[in-house]
C-alpha atoms as a PDB file:
ATOM      1  CA  MET A   1      56.598-159.805-169.046  1.00  0.00           C
ATOM      2  CA  LYS A   2      57.876-159.183-172.730  1.00  0.00           C
ATOM      3  CA  THR A   3      58.265-155.196-172.790  1.00  0.00           C
ATOM      4  CA  THR A   4      56.765-153.305-176.006  1.00  0.00           C
ATOM      5  CA  ALA A   5      58.602-150.675-177.787  1.00  0.00           C
ATOM      6  CA  LYS A   6      55.309-148.477-176.706  1.00  0.00           C
ATOM      7  CA  ASP A   7      56.230-148.951-173.133  1.00  0.00           C
ATOM      8  CA  PHE A   8      59.982-148.854-173.421  1.00  0.00           C
ATOM      9  CA  PHE A   9      59.932-145.193-175.261  1.00  0.00           C
ATOM     10  CA  LEU A  10      56.940-144.249-172.308  1.00  0.00           C
ATOM     11  CA  ASN A  11      58.927-144.973-169.747  1.00  0.00           C
ATOM     12  CA  LEU A  12      62.176-143.339-171.056  1.00  0.00           C
ATOM     13  CA  LEU A  13      60.315-140.262-172.231  1.00  0.00           C
ATOM     14  CA  ALA A  14      58.453-140.056-168.649  1.00  0.00           C
ATOM     15  CA  VAL A  15      62.687-140.305-167.183  1.00  0.00           C
ATOM     16  CA  ALA A  16      64.053-137.810-169.967  1.00  0.00           C
ATOM     17  CA  ALA A  17      61.763-135.363-169.270  1.00  0.00           C
ATOM     18  CA  LEU A  18      61.935-135.824-165.340  1.00  0.00           C
ATOM     19  CA  TYR A  19      66.053-135.284-165.899  1.00  0.00           C
ATOM     20  CA  PHE A  20      65.323-132.098-168.187  1.00  0.00           C
ATOM     21  CA  SER A  21      62.660-130.645-165.836  1.00  0.00           C
ATOM     22  CA  ALA A  22      65.330-131.237-162.866  1.00  0.00           C
ATOM     23  CA  GLY A  23      68.359-129.702-164.745  1.00  0.00           C
ATOM     24  CA  PHE A  24      66.507-126.624-165.834  1.00  0.00           C
ATOM     25  CA  LEU A  25      64.328-125.700-162.712  1.00  0.00           C
ATOM     26  CA  VAL A  26      67.985-126.025-160.724  1.00  0.00           C
ATOM     27  CA  ASN A  27      68.949-123.723-163.262  1.00  0.00           C
ATOM     28  CA  LEU A  28      66.433-121.370-163.115  1.00  0.00           C
ATOM     29  CA  LEU A  29      66.747-121.318-158.898  1.00  0.00           C
ATOM     30  CA  PHE A  30      71.045-120.516-159.287  1.00  0.00           C
ATOM     31  CA  ALA A  31      69.832-117.554-161.809  1.00  0.00           C
ATOM     32  CA  TYR A  32      66.989-115.861-158.953  1.00  0.00           C
ATOM     33  CA  ILE A  33      69.872-116.925-156.437  1.00  0.00           C
ATOM     34  CA  ASP A  34      72.866-114.570-158.720  1.00  0.00           C
ATOM     35  CA  LEU A  35      70.187-111.762-159.239  1.00  0.00           C
ATOM     36  CA  ALA A  36      69.468-111.799-155.781  1.00  0.00           C
ATOM     37  CA  ILE A  37      72.738-112.114-154.040  1.00  0.00           C
ATOM     38  CA  VAL A  38      75.283-110.208-156.538  1.00  0.00           C
ATOM     39  CA  ASP A  39      78.996-111.646-156.282  1.00  0.00           C
ATOM     40  CA  PRO A  40      81.156-108.912-156.413  1.00  0.00           C
ATOM     41  CA  LEU A  41      84.123-110.998-157.915  1.00  0.00           C
ATOM     42  CA  GLN A  42      81.571-111.718-160.735  1.00  0.00           C
ATOM     43  CA  GLY A  43      79.996-108.259-161.279  1.00  0.00           C
ATOM     44  CA  SER A  44      76.545-107.374-162.283  1.00  0.00           C
ATOM     45  CA  ALA A  45      74.920-110.568-162.286  1.00  0.00           C
ATOM     46  CA  MET A  46      71.900-109.706-164.978  1.00  0.00           C
ATOM     47  CA  TYR A  47      73.604-111.509-167.402  1.00  0.00           C
ATOM     48  CA  ARG A  48      71.633-114.530-165.679  1.00  0.00           C
ATOM     49  CA  LEU A  49      68.659-113.268-167.128  1.00  0.00           C
ATOM     50  CA  GLY A  50      69.083-115.128-170.169  1.00  0.00           C
ATOM     51  CA  SER A  51      69.361-118.191-167.908  1.00  0.00           C
ATOM     52  CA  VAL A  52      65.790-117.278-166.885  1.00  0.00           C
ATOM     53  CA  ARG A  53      64.126-117.252-170.303  1.00  0.00           C
ATOM     54  CA  TRP A  54      65.882-120.305-171.075  1.00  0.00           C
ATOM     55  CA  GLY A  55      64.865-121.812-167.780  1.00  0.00           C
ATOM     56  CA  VAL A  56      61.388-120.989-168.065  1.00  0.00           C
ATOM     57  CA  ALA A  57      61.089-121.679-171.775  1.00  0.00           C
ATOM     58  CA  ALA A  58      62.344-124.730-170.906  1.00  0.00           C
ATOM     59  CA  LEU A  59      59.726-126.084-168.089  1.00  0.00           C
ATOM     60  CA  VAL A  60      56.938-124.830-170.028  1.00  0.00           C
ATOM     61  CA  VAL A  61      57.516-127.357-172.431  1.00  0.00           C
ATOM     62  CA  ILE A  62      58.949-130.493-170.624  1.00  0.00           C
ATOM     63  CA  PHE A  63      57.343-130.347-167.731  1.00  0.00           C
ATOM     64  CA  PRO A  64      54.021-130.652-169.272  1.00  0.00           C
ATOM     65  CA  VAL A  65      56.027-133.826-171.447  1.00  0.00           C
ATOM     66  CA  PHE A  66      56.529-135.392-167.764  1.00  0.00           C
ATOM     67  CA  VAL A  67      53.203-134.657-166.608  1.00  0.00           C
ATOM     68  CA  TRP A  68      51.388-136.204-169.362  1.00  0.00           C
ATOM     69  CA  ALA A  69      53.934-139.019-169.999  1.00  0.00           C
ATOM     70  CA  SER A  70      53.578-139.883-165.817  1.00  0.00           C
ATOM     71  CA  TRP A  71      49.703-140.089-166.633  1.00  0.00           C
ATOM     72  CA  PHE A  72      49.490-141.856-169.447  1.00  0.00           C
ATOM     73  CA  LEU A  73      51.484-144.377-167.416  1.00  0.00           C
ATOM     74  CA  ASN A  74      49.549-144.452-164.558  1.00  0.00           C
ATOM     75  CA  LYS A  75      46.727-145.110-166.901  1.00  0.00           C
ATOM     76  CA  ILE A  76      48.409-148.350-168.074  1.00  0.00           C
ATOM     77  CA  PHE A  77      49.119-149.356-164.798  1.00  0.00           C
ATOM     78  CA  VAL A  78      45.363-149.109-163.596  1.00  0.00           C
ATOM     79  CA  LYS A  79      44.245-151.337-166.809  1.00  0.00           C
ATOM     80  CA  ASN A  80      47.485-153.639-166.048  1.00  0.00           C
ATOM     81  CA  PRO A  81      49.092-153.313-162.561  1.00  0.00           C
ATOM     82  CA  GLU A  82      51.943-156.243-164.191  1.00  0.00           C
ATOM     83  CA  SER A  83      53.397-153.401-166.393  1.00  0.00           C
ATOM     84  CA  ARG A  84      54.752-152.063-163.274  1.00  0.00           C
ATOM     85  CA  LYS A  85      56.900-154.828-163.462  1.00  0.00           C
ATOM     86  CA  TYR A  86      58.443-154.116-166.300  1.00  0.00           C
ATOM     87  CA  LYS A  87      62.213-154.629-166.665  1.00  0.00           C
ATOM     88  CA  VAL A  88      62.711-151.465-168.519  1.00  0.00           C
ATOM     89  CA  ARG A  89      60.857-149.380-165.681  1.00  0.00           C
ATOM     90  CA  ILE A  90      62.700-151.302-162.575  1.00  0.00           C
ATOM     91  CA  TRP A  91      66.020-150.304-164.284  1.00  0.00           C
ATOM     92  CA  LEU A  92      65.316-146.617-165.094  1.00  0.00           C
ATOM     93  CA  LEU A  93      63.810-146.073-161.239  1.00  0.00           C
ATOM     94  CA  TYR A  94      66.934-147.640-159.990  1.00  0.00           C
ATOM     95  CA  LEU A  95      68.910-145.330-162.325  1.00  0.00           C
ATOM     96  CA  THR A  96      66.842-142.098-161.180  1.00  0.00           C
ATOM     97  CA  LEU A  97      67.726-143.484-157.660  1.00  0.00           C
ATOM     98  CA  PHE A  98      71.417-143.394-158.493  1.00  0.00           C
ATOM     99  CA  ILE A  99      71.241-140.143-160.050  1.00  0.00           C
ATOM    100  CA  ALA A 100      69.476-138.459-157.555  1.00  0.00           C
ATOM    101  CA  GLY A 101      71.587-140.253-154.295  1.00  0.00           C
ATOM    102  CA  GLY A 102      74.681-139.445-156.041  1.00  0.00           C
ATOM    103  CA  VAL A 103      73.723-135.691-156.196  1.00  0.00           C
ATOM    104  CA  ILE A 104      72.532-135.781-152.467  1.00  0.00           C
ATOM    105  CA  VAL A 105      76.306-136.883-151.634  1.00  0.00           C
ATOM    106  CA  GLY A 106      78.187-134.901-154.026  1.00  0.00           C
ATOM    107  CA  ASP A 107      76.047-131.338-152.660  1.00  0.00           C
ATOM    108  CA  LEU A 108      76.812-132.619-148.972  1.00  0.00           C
ATOM    109  CA  VAL A 109      80.728-133.329-150.250  1.00  0.00           C
ATOM    110  CA  ALA A 110      80.395-129.865-151.503  1.00  0.00           C
ATOM    111  CA  VAL A 111      79.459-128.299-148.479  1.00  0.00           C
ATOM    112  CA  ILE A 112      81.583-129.849-146.305  1.00  0.00           C
ATOM    113  CA  TYR A 113      84.582-129.099-148.523  1.00  0.00           C
ATOM    114  CA  ASN A 114      83.693-125.592-148.572  1.00  0.00           C
ATOM    115  CA  PHE A 115      82.881-125.206-145.125  1.00  0.00           C
ATOM    116  CA  LEU A 116      86.998-126.573-144.454  1.00  0.00           C
ATOM    117  CA  GLU A 117      87.909-123.897-146.751  1.00  0.00           C
ATOM    118  CA  GLY A 118      86.503-121.060-145.040  1.00  0.00           C
ATOM    119  CA  ASP A 119      83.930-120.374-148.605  1.00  0.00           C
ATOM    120  CA  LEU A 120      80.358-120.971-146.774  1.00  0.00           C
ATOM    121  CA  THR A 121      78.582-117.796-148.589  1.00  0.00           C
ATOM    122  CA  ALA A 122      75.140-117.296-148.268  1.00  0.00           C
ATOM    123  CA  ARG A 123      75.252-117.603-152.322  1.00  0.00           C
ATOM    124  CA  PHE A 124      76.870-120.991-152.185  1.00  0.00           C
ATOM    125  CA  LEU A 125      74.282-122.159-149.339  1.00  0.00           C
ATOM    126  CA  TRP A 126      71.347-121.222-151.160  1.00  0.00           C
ATOM    127  CA  LYS A 127      72.246-123.172-154.383  1.00  0.00           C
ATOM    128  CA  VAL A 128      73.542-125.807-152.487  1.00  0.00           C
ATOM    129  CA  ALA A 129      69.739-125.869-150.638  1.00  0.00           C
ATOM    130  CA  SER A 130      68.215-125.516-153.908  1.00  0.00           C
ATOM    131  CA  ILE A 131      70.134-128.760-155.253  1.00  0.00           C
ATOM    132  CA  LEU A 132      69.714-130.617-152.266  1.00  0.00           C
ATOM    133  CA  ALA A 133      65.374-129.938-152.432  1.00  0.00           C
ATOM    134  CA  VAL A 134      64.938-131.116-156.025  1.00  0.00           C
ATOM    135  CA  SER A 135      67.285-134.022-155.898  1.00  0.00           C
ATOM    136  CA  GLY A 136      65.834-134.850-152.333  1.00  0.00           C
ATOM    137  CA  LEU A 137      62.236-134.434-153.465  1.00  0.00           C
ATOM    138  CA  ILE A 138      63.223-136.716-156.893  1.00  0.00           C
ATOM    139  CA  PHE A 139      64.612-139.303-154.139  1.00  0.00           C
ATOM    140  CA  SER A 140      62.111-139.469-152.170  1.00  0.00           C
ATOM    141  CA  TYR A 141      59.212-139.857-154.492  1.00  0.00           C
ATOM    142  CA  TYR A 142      61.093-142.893-156.517  1.00  0.00           C
ATOM    143  CA  LEU A 143      62.473-144.602-153.305  1.00  0.00           C
ATOM    144  CA  ILE A 144      58.791-144.664-152.167  1.00  0.00           C
ATOM    145  CA  GLU A 145      58.203-146.028-155.904  1.00  0.00           C
ATOM    146  CA  VAL A 146      60.534-148.967-155.803  1.00  0.00           C
ATOM    147  CA  ARG A 147      59.374-149.985-152.482  1.00  0.00           C
ATOM    148  CA  ALA A 148      55.704-149.870-153.238  1.00  0.00           C
ATOM    149  CA  GLU A 149      55.925-152.895-155.644  1.00  0.00           C
ATOM    150  CA  GLY A 150      52.328-153.090-156.568  1.00  0.00           C
ATOM    151  CA  ALA A 151      51.030-150.680-154.456  1.00  0.00           C
ATOM    152  CA  VAL A 152      47.430-149.627-155.269  1.00  0.00           C
ATOM    153  CA  SER A 153      47.202-146.918-157.640  1.00  0.00           C
ATOM    154  CA  ALA A 154      46.664-143.310-157.570  1.00  0.00           C
ATOM    155  CA  GLU A 155      42.905-143.787-159.148  1.00  0.00           C
ATOM    156  CA  GLU A 156      42.177-145.710-156.102  1.00  0.00           C
ATOM    157  CA  GLY A 157      43.753-144.038-153.443  1.00  0.00           C
ATOM    158  CA  GLY A 158      47.357-144.120-154.344  1.00  0.00           C
ATOM    159  CA  ASN A 159      50.319-143.313-152.009  1.00  0.00           C
ATOM    160  CA  LYS A 160      49.665-140.409-149.746  1.00  0.00           C
ATOM    161  CA  ILE A 161      53.447-139.421-149.726  1.00  0.00           C
ATOM    162  CA  GLN A 162      53.634-139.210-153.249  1.00  0.00           C
ATOM    163  CA  ARG A 163      50.919-137.413-153.848  1.00  0.00           C
ATOM    164  CA  TRP A 164      52.218-134.887-151.654  1.00  0.00           C
ATOM    165  CA  LEU A 165      55.605-134.854-153.374  1.00  0.00           C
ATOM    166  CA  ALA A 166      54.002-134.659-156.507  1.00  0.00           C
ATOM    167  CA  ARG A 167      52.095-131.782-155.552  1.00  0.00           C
ATOM    168  CA  ILE A 168      54.496-129.696-153.948  1.00  0.00           C
ATOM    169  CA  SER A 169      56.545-130.442-156.947  1.00  0.00           C
ATOM    170  CA  MET A 170      54.414-129.197-159.316  1.00  0.00           C
ATOM    171  CA  ILE A 171      53.711-126.050-157.148  1.00  0.00           C
ATOM    172  CA  ALA A 172      57.172-125.269-156.770  1.00  0.00           C
ATOM    173  CA  ILE A 173      57.506-125.424-160.866  1.00  0.00           C
ATOM    174  CA  ALA A 174      54.401-123.099-160.836  1.00  0.00           C
ATOM    175  CA  ILE A 175      56.048-120.549-158.802  1.00  0.00           C
ATOM    176  CA  ALA A 176      58.968-120.725-160.556  1.00  0.00           C
ATOM    177  CA  ILE A 177      57.399-120.235-163.986  1.00  0.00           C
ATOM    178  CA  ILE A 178      55.508-117.466-162.711  1.00  0.00           C
ATOM    179  CA  ALA A 179      58.466-115.634-161.206  1.00  0.00           C
ATOM    180  CA  GLY A 180      60.683-115.763-164.036  1.00  0.00           C
ATOM    181  CA  PHE A 181      57.719-113.519-166.200  1.00  0.00           C
ATOM    182  CA  PHE A 182      58.126-111.059-163.287  1.00  0.00           C
ATOM    183  CA  VAL A 183      62.117-111.274-163.470  1.00  0.00           C
ATOM    184  CA  ALA A 184      62.358-111.566-166.889  1.00  0.00           C
ATOM    185  CA  GLY A 185      59.910-109.213-167.829  1.00  0.00           C
ATOM    186  CA  SER A 186      57.113-109.449-170.604  1.00  0.00           C
ATOM    187  CA  PRO A 187      58.311-110.262-173.962  1.00  0.00           C
ATOM    188  CA  PHE A 188      57.176-106.671-175.585  1.00  0.00           C
ATOM    189  CA  GLU A 189      59.057-105.392-172.608  1.00  0.00           C
ATOM    190  CA  GLN A 190      62.063-107.354-174.193  1.00  0.00           C
ATOM    191  CA  ARG A 191      61.588-106.544-177.418  1.00  0.00           C
ATOM    192  CA  LEU A 192      61.621-102.756-176.114  1.00  0.00           C
ATOM    193  CA  ARG A 193      64.639-103.170-174.639  1.00  0.00           C
ATOM    194  CA  ARG A 194      66.410-104.956-177.740  1.00  0.00           C
ATOM    195  CA  PHE A 195      65.659-101.928-179.711  1.00  0.00           C
ATOM    196  CA  ASP A 196      67.294 -99.994-177.177  1.00  0.00           C
ATOM    197  CA  ASP A 197      70.468-102.138-176.894  1.00  0.00           C
ATOM    198  CA  ARG A 198      70.213-101.663-180.960  1.00  0.00           C
ATOM    199  CA  ARG A 199      70.749 -97.749-180.517  1.00  0.00           C
ATOM    200  CA  VAL A 200      73.665 -98.356-178.221  1.00  0.00           C
ATOM    201  CA  SER A 201      75.585-100.368-180.638  1.00  0.00           C
ATOM    202  CA  ASP A 202      74.775 -98.533-183.376  1.00  0.00           C
ATOM    203  CA  LEU A 203      75.987 -94.888-181.877  1.00  0.00           C
ATOM    204  CA  GLN A 204      78.929 -96.531-181.357  1.00  0.00           C
ATOM    205  CA  SER A 205      79.600 -97.637-184.435  1.00  0.00           C
ATOM    206  CA  ILE A 206      78.680 -94.060-185.835  1.00  0.00           C
ATOM    207  CA  GLN A 207      81.147 -93.007-182.727  1.00  0.00           C
ATOM    208  CA  TRP A 208      83.969 -94.612-183.840  1.00  0.00           C
ATOM    209  CA  GLN A 209      83.592 -93.757-187.606  1.00  0.00           C
ATOM    210  CA  VAL A 210      83.675 -89.925-186.633  1.00  0.00           C
ATOM    211  CA  VAL A 211      86.906 -90.592-184.852  1.00  0.00           C
ATOM    212  CA  ASN A 212      88.323 -92.418-188.038  1.00  0.00           C
ATOM    213  CA  PHE A 213      87.161 -89.507-189.556  1.00  0.00           C
ATOM    214  CA  TRP A 214      88.599 -87.025-187.599  1.00  0.00           C
ATOM    215  CA  GLN A 215      92.411 -88.479-187.977  1.00  0.00           C
ATOM    216  CA  SER A 216      92.085 -89.206-191.429  1.00  0.00           C
ATOM    217  CA  LYS A 217      90.902 -85.365-192.579  1.00  0.00           C
ATOM    218  CA  GLU A 218      91.721 -83.886-188.621  1.00  0.00           C
ATOM    219  CA  ARG A 219      88.058 -82.626-189.078  1.00  0.00           C
ATOM    220  CA  LEU A 220      84.695 -83.209-187.503  1.00  0.00           C
ATOM    221  CA  PRO A 221      82.166 -84.431-190.434  1.00  0.00           C
ATOM    222  CA  ASP A 222      79.465 -81.637-190.530  1.00  0.00           C
ATOM    223  CA  ASN A 223      76.496 -84.387-190.849  1.00  0.00           C
ATOM    224  CA  LEU A 224      76.437 -88.127-191.005  1.00  0.00           C
ATOM    225  CA  ASP A 225      76.186 -88.474-194.497  1.00  0.00           C
ATOM    226  CA  GLU A 226      79.616 -87.649-194.966  1.00  0.00           C
ATOM    227  CA  LEU A 227      80.727 -90.253-193.171  1.00  0.00           C
ATOM    228  CA  SER A 228      79.092 -93.004-196.231  1.00  0.00           C
ATOM    229  CA  ASP A 229      82.109 -94.867-197.533  1.00  0.00           C
ATOM    230  CA  LYS A 230      81.323 -96.825-200.755  1.00  0.00           C
ATOM    231  CA  ILE A 231      84.748 -98.835-200.380  1.00  0.00           C
ATOM    232  CA  SER A 232      83.870-100.649-197.131  1.00  0.00           C
ATOM    233  CA  GLY A 233      80.254-100.277-197.376  1.00  0.00           C
ATOM    234  CA  PHE A 234      79.256 -97.925-194.341  1.00  0.00           C
ATOM    235  CA  THR A 235      76.292 -95.752-193.847  1.00  0.00           C
ATOM    236  CA  ALA A 236      75.095 -94.386-190.942  1.00  0.00           C
ATOM    237  CA  PRO A 237      72.875 -96.819-189.421  1.00  0.00           C
ATOM    238  CA  ARG A 238      69.249 -95.404-188.666  1.00  0.00           C
ATOM    239  CA  ASP A 239      66.951 -96.418-185.702  1.00  0.00           C
ATOM    240  CA  SER A 240      65.764-100.027-186.406  1.00  0.00           C
ATOM    241  CA  GLU A 241      62.715 -99.435-184.467  1.00  0.00           C
ATOM    242  CA  ASN A 242      61.224 -96.186-187.000  1.00  0.00           C
ATOM    243  CA  ASN A 243      63.618 -96.070-189.176  1.00  0.00           C
ATOM    244  CA  SER A 244      64.738 -92.417-188.117  1.00  0.00           C
ATOM    245  CA  ALA A 245      68.329 -91.178-188.564  1.00  0.00           C
ATOM    246  CA  TYR A 246      69.805 -90.982-185.090  1.00  0.00           C
ATOM    247  CA  GLU A 247      71.445 -87.144-184.596  1.00  0.00           C
ATOM    248  CA  TYR A 248      74.525 -85.697-184.796  1.00  0.00           C
ATOM    249  CA  ARG A 249      76.152 -82.252-183.762  1.00  0.00           C
ATOM    250  CA  LYS A 250      79.192 -80.775-184.260  1.00  0.00           C
ATOM    251  CA  ALA A 251      80.276 -78.943-180.988  1.00  0.00           C
ATOM    252  CA  SER A 252      83.431 -77.983-181.416  1.00  0.00           C
ATOM    253  CA  ASP A 253      86.536 -78.834-183.502  1.00  0.00           C
ATOM    254  CA  LEU A 254      87.264 -81.766-181.274  1.00  0.00           C
ATOM    255  CA  SER A 255      83.904 -82.110-179.733  1.00  0.00           C
ATOM    256  CA  PHE A 256      81.001 -83.442-180.726  1.00  0.00           C
ATOM    257  CA  GLU A 257      77.140 -85.165-179.567  1.00  0.00           C
ATOM    258  CA  LEU A 258      75.095 -88.024-180.511  1.00  0.00           C
ATOM    259  CA  CYS A 259      71.537 -88.248-179.936  1.00  0.00           C
ATOM    260  CA  ALA A 260      68.878 -90.895-179.480  1.00  0.00           C
ATOM    261  CA  THR A 261      65.443 -91.876-178.141  1.00  0.00           C
ATOM    262  CA  PHE A 262      65.107 -94.735-175.705  1.00  0.00           C
ATOM    263  CA  ASN A 263      62.278 -96.597-174.875  1.00  0.00           C
ATOM    264  CA  ARG A 264      63.786 -97.141-171.258  1.00  0.00           C
ATOM    265  CA  GLU A 265      66.188 -96.314-168.881  1.00  0.00           C
ATOM    266  CA  GLY A 266      69.878 -98.223-169.991  1.00  0.00           C
ATOM    267  CA  ASN A 267      72.392 -98.676-167.431  1.00  0.00           C
ATOM    268  CA  ASP A 268      75.349-101.137-167.034  1.00  0.00           C
ATOM    269  CA  GLU A 269      73.026-102.972-164.412  1.00  0.00           C
ATOM    270  CA  SER A 270      70.186-103.154-166.739  1.00  0.00           C
ATOM    271  CA  GLY A 271      72.213-104.549-169.274  1.00  0.00           C
ATOM    272  CA  SER A 272      71.170-102.595-172.069  1.00  0.00           C
ATOM    273  CA  ASN A 273      74.641-101.318-172.456  1.00  0.00           C
ATOM    274  CA  VAL A 274      77.144-102.676-175.367  1.00  0.00           C
ATOM    275  CA  PRO A 275      80.720-102.480-174.163  1.00  0.00           C
ATOM    276  CA  MET A 276      82.697 -99.942-176.916  1.00  0.00           C
ATOM    277  CA  PRO A 277      85.690-101.212-178.918  1.00  0.00           C
ATOM    278  CA  ALA A 278      88.638-101.917-177.346  1.00  0.00           C
ATOM    279  CA  LYS A 279      90.423 -98.545-178.826  1.00  0.00           C
ATOM    280  CA  ALA A 280      86.930 -96.197-178.442  1.00  0.00           C
ATOM    281  CA  GLN A 281      88.157 -94.182-175.258  1.00  0.00           C
ATOM    282  CA  PHE A 282      87.608 -90.837-175.272  1.00  0.00           C
ATOM    283  CA  SER A 283      88.226 -87.641-172.534  1.00  0.00           C
ATOM    284  CA  GLY A 284      85.828 -85.937-171.165  1.00  0.00           C
ATOM    285  CA  GLU A 285      83.141 -86.617-168.071  1.00  0.00           C
ATOM    286  CA  MET A 286      81.411 -89.822-169.844  1.00  0.00           C
ATOM    287  CA  GLN A 287      84.223 -91.743-170.985  1.00  0.00           C
ATOM    288  CA  GLY A 288      82.298 -93.814-173.337  1.00  0.00           C
ATOM    289  CA  ASN A 289      79.465 -94.332-170.757  1.00  0.00           C
ATOM    290  CA  TRP A 290      76.091 -95.047-172.152  1.00  0.00           C
ATOM    291  CA  SER A 291      74.151 -94.972-169.261  1.00  0.00           C
ATOM    292  CA  HIS A 292      70.794 -93.082-170.601  1.00  0.00           C
ATOM    293  CA  ALA A 293      67.016 -92.090-168.993  1.00  0.00           C
ATOM    294  CA  SER A 294      64.488 -93.489-171.162  1.00  0.00           C
ATOM    295  CA  GLY A 295      63.295 -90.856-173.630  1.00  0.00           C
ATOM    296  CA  ARG A 296      65.785 -88.905-176.226  1.00  0.00           C
ATOM    297  CA  ALA A 297      69.312 -88.983-174.420  1.00  0.00           C
ATOM    298  CA  CYS A 298      72.618 -86.894-175.916  1.00  0.00           C
ATOM    299  CA  PHE A 299      75.850 -88.679-175.673  1.00  0.00           C
ATOM    300  CA  GLU A 300      79.021 -86.173-175.489  1.00  0.00           C
ATOM    301  CA  ARG A 301      82.452 -86.894-176.681  1.00  0.00           C
ATOM    302  CA  THR A 302      85.452 -85.189-176.825  1.00  0.00           C
ATOM    303  CA  ILE A 303      88.443 -86.337-178.979  1.00  0.00           C
ATOM    304  CA  ASP A 304      91.966 -86.471-177.551  1.00  0.00           C
ATOM    305  CA  PRO A 305      94.504 -85.872-179.931  1.00  0.00           C
ATOM    306  CA  ASP A 306      97.244 -87.524-178.174  1.00  0.00           C
ATOM    307  CA  LEU A 307      95.183 -91.055-177.707  1.00  0.00           C
ATOM    308  CA  TYR A 308      93.843 -90.528-181.184  1.00  0.00           C
ATOM    309  CA  PRO A 309      96.719 -88.481-183.407  1.00  0.00           C
ATOM    310  CA  PRO A 310      95.961 -87.989-187.224  1.00  0.00           C
ATOM    311  CA  PHE A 311      96.751 -90.242-189.820  1.00  0.00           C
ATOM    312  CA  ALA A 312     100.562 -89.990-190.748  1.00  0.00           C
ATOM    313  CA  LYS A 313     100.114 -88.270-194.594  1.00  0.00           C
ATOM    314  CA  PRO A 314     102.193 -90.258-197.583  1.00  0.00           C
END
């Protein structure tokens, strides 16, 4: 039978949506594993929250496209069973089997290799299991599809195993998406945390300007307005959420305090801290630590003249 452009692009759309959905699902499962089982060699796994958000966003859009394309193709197959034998469809089915089978074989090779290397950690095994589960479901479903060769359509009873595999896949993806909203937090919650991240970044900028001011004039500024520089264009930033000024207090000739009001608690594990500039190191208990509780938080800093000597006068 002659393949029309409509048949070609519908089959291509279904397979492409399947590949992307599987890829983002695996990536999402990897992110959950990294968050649940932290690798000491990689430090905090909270950076994986970005992968969780991307995975959820992609699956919410792409997986329904796959479901719609598959449903639409099935309607065509019911009206015209011969359309199952289109060459483009057969080629794409075998390509899918080839890719899924290759992933399964590669997965097993990786397990054996890591076993011989003595590196079968729980983190690695869970990732292998997630790849095996996703690729195994795809391989099993399409292997049955290839063997069916014109089997009864889904509306007339269909293949029970295929329908169960499809249901398991849909339930798994639904659970993964719902879990993503709990793990990554609501959009409202993330916006509050982004405001907190901006506050930390602003305080770091102010802090570095205070140190630079001391090195230039051998005294601390009395207020933040003194940091304004028309040549460099620096003006002390203000709180981006409510446009209020940050608090600054000179405690002694070498010590000062910066304060801000935060929406949520922030520390290294929550990902609400922005790394300091390489040179911005200070003596004292906090040592440039920006961990904070929710509400008003103050950061005490003491300049070490040995680390930050005054600039040489001309």
